[in-house]
Every structure is written in structure tokens, then in C-alpha cells.
C-alpha atoms as a PDB file:
ATOM      1  CA  GLN A   1     180.991 228.615 157.436  1.00  0.00           C
ATOM      2  CA  GLU A   2     182.789 224.899 157.850  1.00  0.00           C
ATOM      3  CA  GLU A   3     181.881 222.620 154.644  1.00  0.00           C
ATOM      4  CA  LEU A   4     182.667 219.203 154.767  1.00  0.00           C
ATOM      5  CA  VAL A   5     181.437 217.310 151.298  1.00  0.00           C
ATOM      6  CA  GLU A   6     182.620 213.677 150.317  1.00  0.00           C
ATOM      7  CA  SER A   7     182.308 211.182 147.036  1.00  0.00           C
ATOM      8  CA  GLY A   8     183.901 207.866 146.447  1.00  0.00           C
ATOM      9  CA  GLY A   9     181.527 205.956 148.310  1.00  0.00           C
ATOM     10  CA  GLY A  10     180.448 202.635 146.690  1.00  0.00           C
ATOM     11  CA  SER A  11     180.345 199.132 146.102  1.00  0.00           C
ATOM     12  CA  VAL A  12     182.628 196.759 145.995  1.00  0.00           C
ATOM     13  CA  LEU A  13     183.255 193.128 146.639  1.00  0.00           C
ATOM     14  CA  ALA A  14     184.848 191.799 149.521  1.00  0.00           C
ATOM     15  CA  GLY A  15     188.856 192.216 149.649  1.00  0.00           C
ATOM     16  CA  GLY A  16     188.537 195.395 147.395  1.00  0.00           C
ATOM     17  CA  SER A  17     189.575 198.722 147.717  1.00  0.00           C
ATOM     18  CA  MET A  18     187.543 201.806 147.702  1.00  0.00           C
ATOM     19  CA  ARG A  19     188.659 205.924 148.817  1.00  0.00           C
ATOM     20  CA  LEU A  20     186.933 208.036 150.073  1.00  0.00           C
ATOM     21  CA  SER A  21     187.378 211.985 149.490  1.00  0.00           C
ATOM     22  CA  CYS A  22     186.041 215.261 151.986  1.00  0.00           C
ATOM     23  CA  VAL A  23     186.215 218.438 150.393  1.00  0.00           C
ATOM     24  CA  LEU A  24     186.870 220.930 153.328  1.00  0.00           C
ATOM     25  CA  SER A  25     186.513 224.539 153.173  1.00  0.00           C
ATOM     26  CA  GLY A  26     185.599 227.538 154.675  1.00  0.00           C
ATOM     27  CA  VAL A  27     188.425 226.583 157.451  1.00  0.00           C
ATOM     28  CA  THR A  28     190.329 229.494 159.297  1.00  0.00           C
ATOM     29  CA  TYR A  29     192.094 227.579 161.926  1.00  0.00           C
ATOM     30  CA  SER A  30     195.862 226.245 161.593  1.00  0.00           C
ATOM     31  CA  SER A  31     195.479 223.298 163.607  1.00  0.00           C
ATOM     32  CA  TYR A  32     192.312 221.023 163.788  1.00  0.00           C
ATOM     33  CA  CYS A  33     190.892 217.068 164.359  1.00  0.00           C
ATOM     34  CA  MET A  34     189.709 215.459 160.960  1.00  0.00           C
ATOM     35  CA  GLY A  35     187.899 212.081 160.985  1.00  0.00           C
ATOM     36  CA  TRP A  36     186.371 209.607 159.615  1.00  0.00           C
ATOM     37  CA  VAL A  37     182.826 208.234 161.030  1.00  0.00           C
ATOM     38  CA  ARG A  38     180.935 205.235 160.057  1.00  0.00           C
ATOM     39  CA  GLN A  39     177.421 204.500 160.859  1.00  0.00           C
ATOM     40  CA  THR A  40     175.540 201.080 160.451  1.00  0.00           C
ATOM     41  CA  PRO A  41     171.567 200.663 161.076  1.00  0.00           C
ATOM     42  CA  GLY A  42     171.397 198.610 164.137  1.00  0.00           C
ATOM     43  CA  LYS A  43     174.531 199.842 165.609  1.00  0.00           C
ATOM     44  CA  GLU A  44     176.835 202.697 167.454  1.00  0.00           C
ATOM     45  CA  ARG A  45     178.484 204.889 165.253  1.00  0.00           C
ATOM     46  CA  GLU A  46     181.965 204.115 164.824  1.00  0.00           C
ATOM     47  CA  GLY A  47     184.707 206.472 164.165  1.00  0.00           C
ATOM     48  CA  VAL A  48     187.400 204.523 161.828  1.00  0.00           C
ATOM     49  CA  ALA A  49     190.432 206.875 161.455  1.00  0.00           C
ATOM     50  CA  ALA A  50     191.243 210.379 162.686  1.00  0.00           C
ATOM     51  CA  LEU A  51     193.656 212.693 161.778  1.00  0.00           C
ATOM     52  CA  TYR A  52     194.953 215.634 163.820  1.00  0.00           C
ATOM     53  CA  THR A  53     196.782 218.468 161.500  1.00  0.00           C
ATOM     54  CA  ALA A  54     199.431 219.502 163.365  1.00  0.00           C
ATOM     55  CA  GLY A  55     202.296 217.065 162.829  1.00  0.00           C
ATOM     56  CA  ASP A  56     199.772 214.960 160.947  1.00  0.00           C
ATOM     57  CA  GLN A  57     199.258 212.319 163.783  1.00  0.00           C
ATOM     58  CA  VAL A  58     196.825 209.816 162.492  1.00  0.00           C
ATOM     59  CA  ASP A  59     195.215 207.185 164.796  1.00  0.00           C
ATOM     60  CA  TYR A  60     192.429 203.988 163.740  1.00  0.00           C
ATOM     61  CA  SER A  61     190.482 202.213 165.405  1.00  0.00           C
ATOM     62  CA  ASP A  62     190.705 198.184 166.187  1.00  0.00           C
ATOM     63  CA  SER A  63     188.597 197.654 163.246  1.00  0.00           C
ATOM     64  CA  VAL A  64     190.555 199.102 160.337  1.00  0.00           C
ATOM     65  CA  LYS A  65     193.535 199.441 161.514  1.00  0.00           C
ATOM     66  CA  GLY A  66     196.405 198.051 158.847  1.00  0.00           C
ATOM     67  CA  ARG A  67     193.695 198.662 156.570  1.00  0.00           C
ATOM     68  CA  PHE A  68     193.147 201.747 156.359  1.00  0.00           C
ATOM     69  CA  THR A  69     195.208 205.082 155.827  1.00  0.00           C
ATOM     70  CA  ILE A  70     193.801 208.419 156.403  1.00  0.00           C
ATOM     71  CA  SER A  71     195.566 211.075 155.085  1.00  0.00           C
ATOM     72  CA  ARG A  72     195.199 214.490 153.682  1.00  0.00           C
ATOM     73  CA  ASP A  73     196.158 216.799 150.606  1.00  0.00           C
ATOM     74  CA  ARG A  74     196.925 220.135 151.539  1.00  0.00           C
ATOM     75  CA  ASP A  75     197.082 221.944 149.420  1.00  0.00           C
ATOM     76  CA  ARG A  76     193.482 220.738 147.994  1.00  0.00           C
ATOM     77  CA  ASN A  77     192.039 220.669 151.511  1.00  0.00           C
ATOM     78  CA  THR A  78     190.999 217.098 150.866  1.00  0.00           C
ATOM     79  CA  LEU A  79     190.745 214.553 153.433  1.00  0.00           C
ATOM     80  CA  TYR A  80     191.209 210.961 152.417  1.00  0.00           C
ATOM     81  CA  LEU A  81     190.284 207.317 153.316  1.00  0.00           C
ATOM     82  CA  ASP A  82     192.160 204.316 151.615  1.00  0.00           C
ATOM     83  CA  MET A  83     189.661 201.284 152.519  1.00  0.00           C
ATOM     84  CA  ALA A  84     191.997 197.710 151.286  1.00  0.00           C
ATOM     85  CA  ASN A  85     190.866 194.435 152.313  1.00  0.00           C
ATOM     86  CA  LEU A  86     187.149 195.428 152.762  1.00  0.00           C
ATOM     87  CA  LYS A  87     184.610 193.169 154.489  1.00  0.00           C
ATOM     88  CA  PRO A  88     180.772 193.702 154.643  1.00  0.00           C
ATOM     89  CA  GLU A  89     181.283 194.140 158.135  1.00  0.00           C
ATOM     90  CA  ASP A  90     182.694 197.628 156.722  1.00  0.00           C
ATOM     91  CA  ALA A  91     179.550 198.308 155.215  1.00  0.00           C
ATOM     92  CA  GLY A  92     177.734 201.336 155.786  1.00  0.00           C
ATOM     93  CA  VAL A  93     177.553 205.083 155.956  1.00  0.00           C
ATOM     94  CA  TYR A  94     180.981 207.314 156.149  1.00  0.00           C
ATOM     95  CA  SER A  95     180.914 210.525 157.265  1.00  0.00           C
ATOM     96  CA  CYS A  96     184.059 212.762 157.654  1.00  0.00           C
ATOM     97  CA  ALA A  97     184.085 214.860 160.501  1.00  0.00           C
ATOM     98  CA  MET A  98     185.747 217.770 162.108  1.00  0.00           C
ATOM     99  CA  ASP A  99     186.581 219.466 165.443  1.00  0.00           C
ATOM    100  CA  ARG A 100     188.306 222.432 166.251  1.00  0.00           C
ATOM    101  CA  ARG A 101     189.410 220.768 169.203  1.00  0.00           C
ATOM    102  CA  SER A 102     193.306 218.676 169.148  1.00  0.00           C
ATOM    103  CA  CYS A 103     191.286 214.996 169.589  1.00  0.00           C
ATOM    104  CA  LEU A 104     193.504 212.168 170.044  1.00  0.00           C
ATOM    105  CA  ALA A 105     194.890 212.040 173.310  1.00  0.00           C
ATOM    106  CA  GLY A 106     192.764 209.467 174.938  1.00  0.00           C
ATOM    107  CA  ARG A 107     192.011 207.995 171.671  1.00  0.00           C
ATOM    108  CA  ARG A 108     188.168 210.223 172.486  1.00  0.00           C
ATOM    109  CA  TRP A 109     187.636 211.058 168.801  1.00  0.00           C
ATOM    110  CA  SER A 110     186.694 207.237 168.621  1.00  0.00           C
ATOM    111  CA  SER A 111     184.180 207.689 171.486  1.00  0.00           C
ATOM    112  CA  THR A 112     180.544 207.331 170.170  1.00  0.00           C
ATOM    113  CA  LYS A 113     179.979 210.296 172.461  1.00  0.00           C
ATOM    114  CA  PHE A 114     182.725 213.107 171.162  1.00  0.00           C
ATOM    115  CA  SER A 115     180.473 215.672 169.584  1.00  0.00           C
ATOM    116  CA  TRP A 116     182.568 216.505 165.907  1.00  0.00           C
ATOM    117  CA  ASN A 117     181.535 220.256 165.783  1.00  0.00           C
ATOM    118  CA  TYR A 118     180.696 219.919 161.750  1.00  0.00           C
ATOM    119  CA  TRP A 119     179.848 216.642 160.026  1.00  0.00           C
ATOM    120  CA  GLY A 120     179.143 216.280 156.301  1.00  0.00           C
ATOM    121  CA  GLN A 121     176.216 214.448 153.989  1.00  0.00           C
ATOM    122  CA  GLY A 122     177.848 211.182 154.555  1.00  0.00           C
ATOM    123  CA  THR A 123     178.624 208.515 151.425  1.00  0.00           C
ATOM    124  CA  GLN A 124     177.012 205.223 151.169  1.00  0.00           C
ATOM    125  CA  VAL A 125     179.879 202.659 151.278  1.00  0.00           C
ATOM    126  CA  THR A 126     178.417 198.296 150.326  1.00  0.00           C
ATOM    127  CA  VAL A 127     180.511 195.371 150.230  1.00  0.00           C
ATOM    128  CA  SER A 128     179.564 192.565 149.425  1.00  0.00           C
ATOM    129  CA  SER A 129     180.794 188.689 150.141  1.00  0.00           C
END
């Protein structure tokens, strides 16, 4: 059974940095897609970054491109999201998600309708101005 456990959320001042981590366990297939999705009250969920393990291809939403970096440590089965130059609008609950399909083509991972197979429990990020 696949399980995703996030950590690293908290509070930061605007302009600051933060790293989120997501430990993945129970995965038995060689290629899969992982992403970070944030949810803010009153707004649709937003996929902010995705990584496809075949070749470690990555993609970002326009709102975070150039500020956020998604990466993984294969040995630790951990996905990271390094966030820099944080803005108040980056605040929300960040969840890591995993899908068995290839998700980058057509940027479908970023669609609010993309149904990730597995989700973590989420971690709160607060950005104060």
C-alpha cells in the first residue's frame, strides 16, 4: 500500500524560503509521477510542480516557476519542494501526490481535474507579509 507523508510546513515571512519533504513508501513500479498540490480556502486546488521519475523530468506552474524547485532523493524515497522568495499568495495546504501514469504530457498534472492516485495528508504553509 502506497503511503505519502509530508513534513516541513510552517510559517515564514514574505521573501523567505522553505523546504517541504514527502516520504514515499510502498511503491513497486519503476516509473511514476509525483507532484505538489496546494489548496487555499475559497480557491481551486493548484498543482504547483510535478516530477516524472523516468528521467526525472519536471514541470512547474507559471505562478511558481523560477522560485520553486521540485526534486527527489531516490535512496531516501523522498520528494522535495524547495520554495524561495515566498509570497503571501503561496500560502495554503501543500500536499504531495503520486500517480502511476505519465503525467507531464499536455501538462495534465496541473489540471484541477487530474485525479492523482495517492495523496499525502498535507502540510500547512503560512506566508506573512
